[in-house]
């Protein structure tokens, strides 16, 4: 990670007891800023875990077209606002709000995004 992102991420260690959340490469995000689609080794994230209320800008050049990524808000402090650096929309809107709860899957078509509520299996 570059120095400009220093402190943006708590960790990218998969250490949760929630297997659905951590079946893929997960980034724990603790403050507002740019949101990469992949880690320093080039591995794509399959889950973003937001810990607190914040606004992030997704770096679309690092996102895989067609991949569904789980966006979780586990901070319980308010919604997380996500926008795209390419001007793309989320279900036709410039910003998507991720509430606390089971999360939202977001899919990228190369320009814009669609979302689907996560329905975890019990």
C-alpha atoms as a PDB file:
ATOM      1  CA  UNK A   1       0.000   0.000   0.000  1.00  0.00           C
ATOM      2  CA  UNK A   2       1.172   3.499  -0.700  1.00  0.00           C
ATOM      3  CA  UNK A   3       1.770   6.021   2.071  1.00  0.00           C
ATOM      4  CA  UNK A   4      -1.345   7.989   1.102  1.00  0.00           C
ATOM      5  CA  UNK A   5      -3.474   5.088   2.352  1.00  0.00           C
ATOM      6  CA  UNK A   6      -1.540   4.643   5.595  1.00  0.00           C
ATOM      7  CA  UNK A   7      -3.986   4.238   8.456  1.00  0.00           C
ATOM      8  CA  UNK A   8      -6.993   3.686   6.182  1.00  0.00           C
ATOM      9  CA  UNK A   9      -7.131  -0.022   6.862  1.00  0.00           C
ATOM     10  CA  UNK A  10      -7.212  -1.820  10.199  1.00  0.00           C
ATOM     11  CA  UNK A  11      -5.954  -5.026   8.618  1.00  0.00           C
ATOM     12  CA  UNK A  12      -6.591  -7.411   5.816  1.00  0.00           C
ATOM     13  CA  UNK A  13      -6.272 -10.466   8.017  1.00  0.00           C
ATOM     14  CA  UNK A  14      -9.046 -13.035   7.837  1.00  0.00           C
ATOM     15  CA  UNK A  15      -9.645 -13.581  11.542  1.00  0.00           C
ATOM     16  CA  UNK A  16     -13.409 -13.424  12.007  1.00  0.00           C
ATOM     17  CA  UNK A  17     -15.710 -16.160  13.218  1.00  0.00           C
ATOM     18  CA  UNK A  18     -18.143 -15.204  10.398  1.00  0.00           C
ATOM     19  CA  UNK A  19     -17.232 -17.623   7.573  1.00  0.00           C
ATOM     20  CA  UNK A  20     -19.420 -15.928   4.961  1.00  0.00           C
ATOM     21  CA  UNK A  21     -17.591 -12.674   5.548  1.00  0.00           C
ATOM     22  CA  UNK A  22     -14.159 -14.254   5.324  1.00  0.00           C
ATOM     23  CA  UNK A  23     -14.468 -16.890   2.605  1.00  0.00           C
ATOM     24  CA  UNK A  24     -12.539 -14.489   0.399  1.00  0.00           C
ATOM     25  CA  UNK A  25      -9.864 -11.807   0.717  1.00  0.00           C
ATOM     26  CA  UNK A  26     -11.320  -9.206   3.117  1.00  0.00           C
ATOM     27  CA  UNK A  27     -10.267  -5.651   3.862  1.00  0.00           C
ATOM     28  CA  UNK A  28     -11.249  -4.074   7.195  1.00  0.00           C
ATOM     29  CA  UNK A  29     -11.680  -0.333   6.573  1.00  0.00           C
ATOM     30  CA  UNK A  30     -11.548   2.107   9.490  1.00  0.00           C
ATOM     31  CA  UNK A  31     -11.730   5.577   7.908  1.00  0.00           C
ATOM     32  CA  UNK A  32     -12.801   7.484   4.813  1.00  0.00           C
ATOM     33  CA  UNK A  33     -10.674   7.573   1.681  1.00  0.00           C
ATOM     34  CA  UNK A  34      -9.960   5.738  -1.563  1.00  0.00           C
ATOM     35  CA  UNK A  35     -10.929   2.065  -1.643  1.00  0.00           C
ATOM     36  CA  UNK A  36      -8.708  -0.283  -3.692  1.00  0.00           C
ATOM     37  CA  UNK A  37     -10.083  -3.335  -5.466  1.00  0.00           C
ATOM     38  CA  UNK A  38      -7.013  -5.411  -4.672  1.00  0.00           C
ATOM     39  CA  UNK A  39      -4.273  -5.761  -2.080  1.00  0.00           C
ATOM     40  CA  UNK A  40      -0.561  -4.984  -2.508  1.00  0.00           C
ATOM     41  CA  UNK A  41       0.023  -8.503  -3.890  1.00  0.00           C
ATOM     42  CA  UNK A  42      -2.635  -8.064  -6.613  1.00  0.00           C
ATOM     43  CA  UNK A  43      -5.246 -10.276  -4.927  1.00  0.00           C
ATOM     44  CA  UNK A  44      -8.775  -8.978  -5.444  1.00  0.00           C
ATOM     45  CA  UNK A  45     -10.956  -8.254  -2.425  1.00  0.00           C
ATOM     46  CA  UNK A  46     -14.166 -10.242  -2.122  1.00  0.00           C
ATOM     47  CA  UNK A  47     -15.357  -8.372   0.968  1.00  0.00           C
ATOM     48  CA  UNK A  48     -15.011  -4.925   2.513  1.00  0.00           C
ATOM     49  CA  UNK A  49     -15.774  -4.702   6.229  1.00  0.00           C
ATOM     50  CA  UNK A  50     -16.413  -1.081   7.232  1.00  0.00           C
ATOM     51  CA  UNK A  51     -15.860  -0.424  10.929  1.00  0.00           C
ATOM     52  CA  UNK A  52     -17.642   2.850  11.562  1.00  0.00           C
ATOM     53  CA  UNK A  53     -19.407   5.605   9.645  1.00  0.00           C
ATOM     54  CA  UNK A  54     -17.411   6.885   6.663  1.00  0.00           C
ATOM     55  CA  UNK A  55     -17.375   7.810   2.980  1.00  0.00           C
ATOM     56  CA  UNK A  56     -15.175   5.903   0.533  1.00  0.00           C
ATOM     57  CA  UNK A  57     -14.415   6.203  -3.174  1.00  0.00           C
ATOM     58  CA  UNK A  58     -14.009   2.912  -5.014  1.00  0.00           C
ATOM     59  CA  UNK A  59     -11.013   2.809  -7.373  1.00  0.00           C
ATOM     60  CA  UNK A  60     -12.751   1.175 -10.346  1.00  0.00           C
ATOM     61  CA  UNK A  61      -9.575   0.438 -12.314  1.00  0.00           C
ATOM     62  CA  UNK A  62      -8.828  -2.240  -9.714  1.00  0.00           C
ATOM     63  CA  UNK A  63     -12.278  -3.906  -9.733  1.00  0.00           C
ATOM     64  CA  UNK A  64     -13.109  -7.085 -11.685  1.00  0.00           C
ATOM     65  CA  UNK A  65     -15.998  -6.712 -14.103  1.00  0.00           C
ATOM     66  CA  UNK A  66     -18.858  -9.060 -13.166  1.00  0.00           C
ATOM     67  CA  UNK A  67     -17.482  -9.977  -9.732  1.00  0.00           C
ATOM     68  CA  UNK A  68     -19.835  -9.687  -6.769  1.00  0.00           C
ATOM     69  CA  UNK A  69     -18.156  -8.106  -3.741  1.00  0.00           C
ATOM     70  CA  UNK A  70     -19.692  -8.139  -0.263  1.00  0.00           C
ATOM     71  CA  UNK A  71     -19.826  -4.736   1.467  1.00  0.00           C
ATOM     72  CA  UNK A  72     -20.438  -4.999   5.233  1.00  0.00           C
ATOM     73  CA  UNK A  73     -20.966  -2.234   7.768  1.00  0.00           C
ATOM     74  CA  UNK A  74     -20.169  -3.656  11.195  1.00  0.00           C
ATOM     75  CA  UNK A  75     -19.484  -0.315  12.872  1.00  0.00           C
ATOM     76  CA  UNK A  76     -23.044   0.330  14.106  1.00  0.00           C
ATOM     77  CA  UNK A  77     -22.385   4.087  13.883  1.00  0.00           C
ATOM     78  CA  UNK A  78     -24.346   4.985  10.754  1.00  0.00           C
ATOM     79  CA  UNK A  79     -24.285   4.309   7.040  1.00  0.00           C
ATOM     80  CA  UNK A  80     -21.167   3.977   4.916  1.00  0.00           C
ATOM     81  CA  UNK A  81     -21.332   6.041   1.697  1.00  0.00           C
ATOM     82  CA  UNK A  82     -19.662   4.477  -1.340  1.00  0.00           C
ATOM     83  CA  UNK A  83     -19.076   6.281  -4.636  1.00  0.00           C
ATOM     84  CA  UNK A  84     -17.004   5.400  -7.711  1.00  0.00           C
ATOM     85  CA  UNK A  85     -14.010   7.314  -9.052  1.00  0.00           C
ATOM     86  CA  UNK A  86     -15.191   6.824 -12.653  1.00  0.00           C
ATOM     87  CA  UNK A  87     -18.519   8.609 -12.122  1.00  0.00           C
ATOM     88  CA  UNK A  88     -20.346   5.273 -12.298  1.00  0.00           C
ATOM     89  CA  UNK A  89     -23.662   4.817 -10.552  1.00  0.00           C
ATOM     90  CA  UNK A  90     -25.013   2.312  -8.037  1.00  0.00           C
ATOM     91  CA  UNK A  91     -28.468   1.203  -9.130  1.00  0.00           C
ATOM     92  CA  UNK A  92     -28.718   4.531 -10.985  1.00  0.00           C
ATOM     93  CA  UNK A  93     -27.573   6.676  -8.052  1.00  0.00           C
ATOM     94  CA  UNK A  94     -24.136   8.335  -7.641  1.00  0.00           C
ATOM     95  CA  UNK A  95     -23.730   7.040  -4.064  1.00  0.00           C
ATOM     96  CA  UNK A  96     -24.863   3.882  -2.314  1.00  0.00           C
ATOM     97  CA  UNK A  97     -25.411   3.848   1.455  1.00  0.00           C
ATOM     98  CA  UNK A  98     -24.385   0.628   3.200  1.00  0.00           C
ATOM     99  CA  UNK A  99     -26.366   0.250   6.445  1.00  0.00           C
ATOM    100  CA  UNK A 100     -25.328  -1.852   9.429  1.00  0.00           C
ATOM    101  CA  UNK A 101     -26.517  -5.412   8.991  1.00  0.00           C
ATOM    102  CA  UNK A 102     -25.939  -8.407   6.753  1.00  0.00           C
ATOM    103  CA  UNK A 103     -24.367  -6.341   3.978  1.00  0.00           C
ATOM    104  CA  UNK A 104     -24.835  -5.745   0.285  1.00  0.00           C
ATOM    105  CA  UNK A 105     -23.329  -7.540  -2.707  1.00  0.00           C
ATOM    106  CA  UNK A 106     -22.232  -5.064  -5.378  1.00  0.00           C
ATOM    107  CA  UNK A 107     -21.545  -6.078  -8.987  1.00  0.00           C
ATOM    108  CA  UNK A 108     -19.519  -4.044 -11.528  1.00  0.00           C
ATOM    109  CA  UNK A 109     -20.421  -4.057 -15.247  1.00  0.00           C
ATOM    110  CA  UNK A 110     -17.362  -2.100 -16.365  1.00  0.00           C
ATOM    111  CA  UNK A 111     -18.962   1.315 -15.808  1.00  0.00           C
ATOM    112  CA  UNK A 112     -21.813   1.081 -13.320  1.00  0.00           C
ATOM    113  CA  UNK A 113     -22.790  -1.041 -10.341  1.00  0.00           C
ATOM    114  CA  UNK A 114     -25.829  -3.016  -9.227  1.00  0.00           C
ATOM    115  CA  UNK A 115     -26.545  -4.163  -5.710  1.00  0.00           C
ATOM    116  CA  UNK A 116     -28.274  -7.049  -4.029  1.00  0.00           C
ATOM    117  CA  UNK A 117     -28.927  -7.474  -0.305  1.00  0.00           C
ATOM    118  CA  UNK A 118     -26.911 -10.221   1.329  1.00  0.00           C
ATOM    119  CA  UNK A 119     -29.054 -13.034   2.703  1.00  0.00           C
ATOM    120  CA  UNK A 120     -26.737 -15.143   4.874  1.00  0.00           C
ATOM    121  CA  UNK A 121     -27.561 -18.806   5.363  1.00  0.00           C
ATOM    122  CA  UNK A 122     -28.304 -19.670   8.957  1.00  0.00           C
END
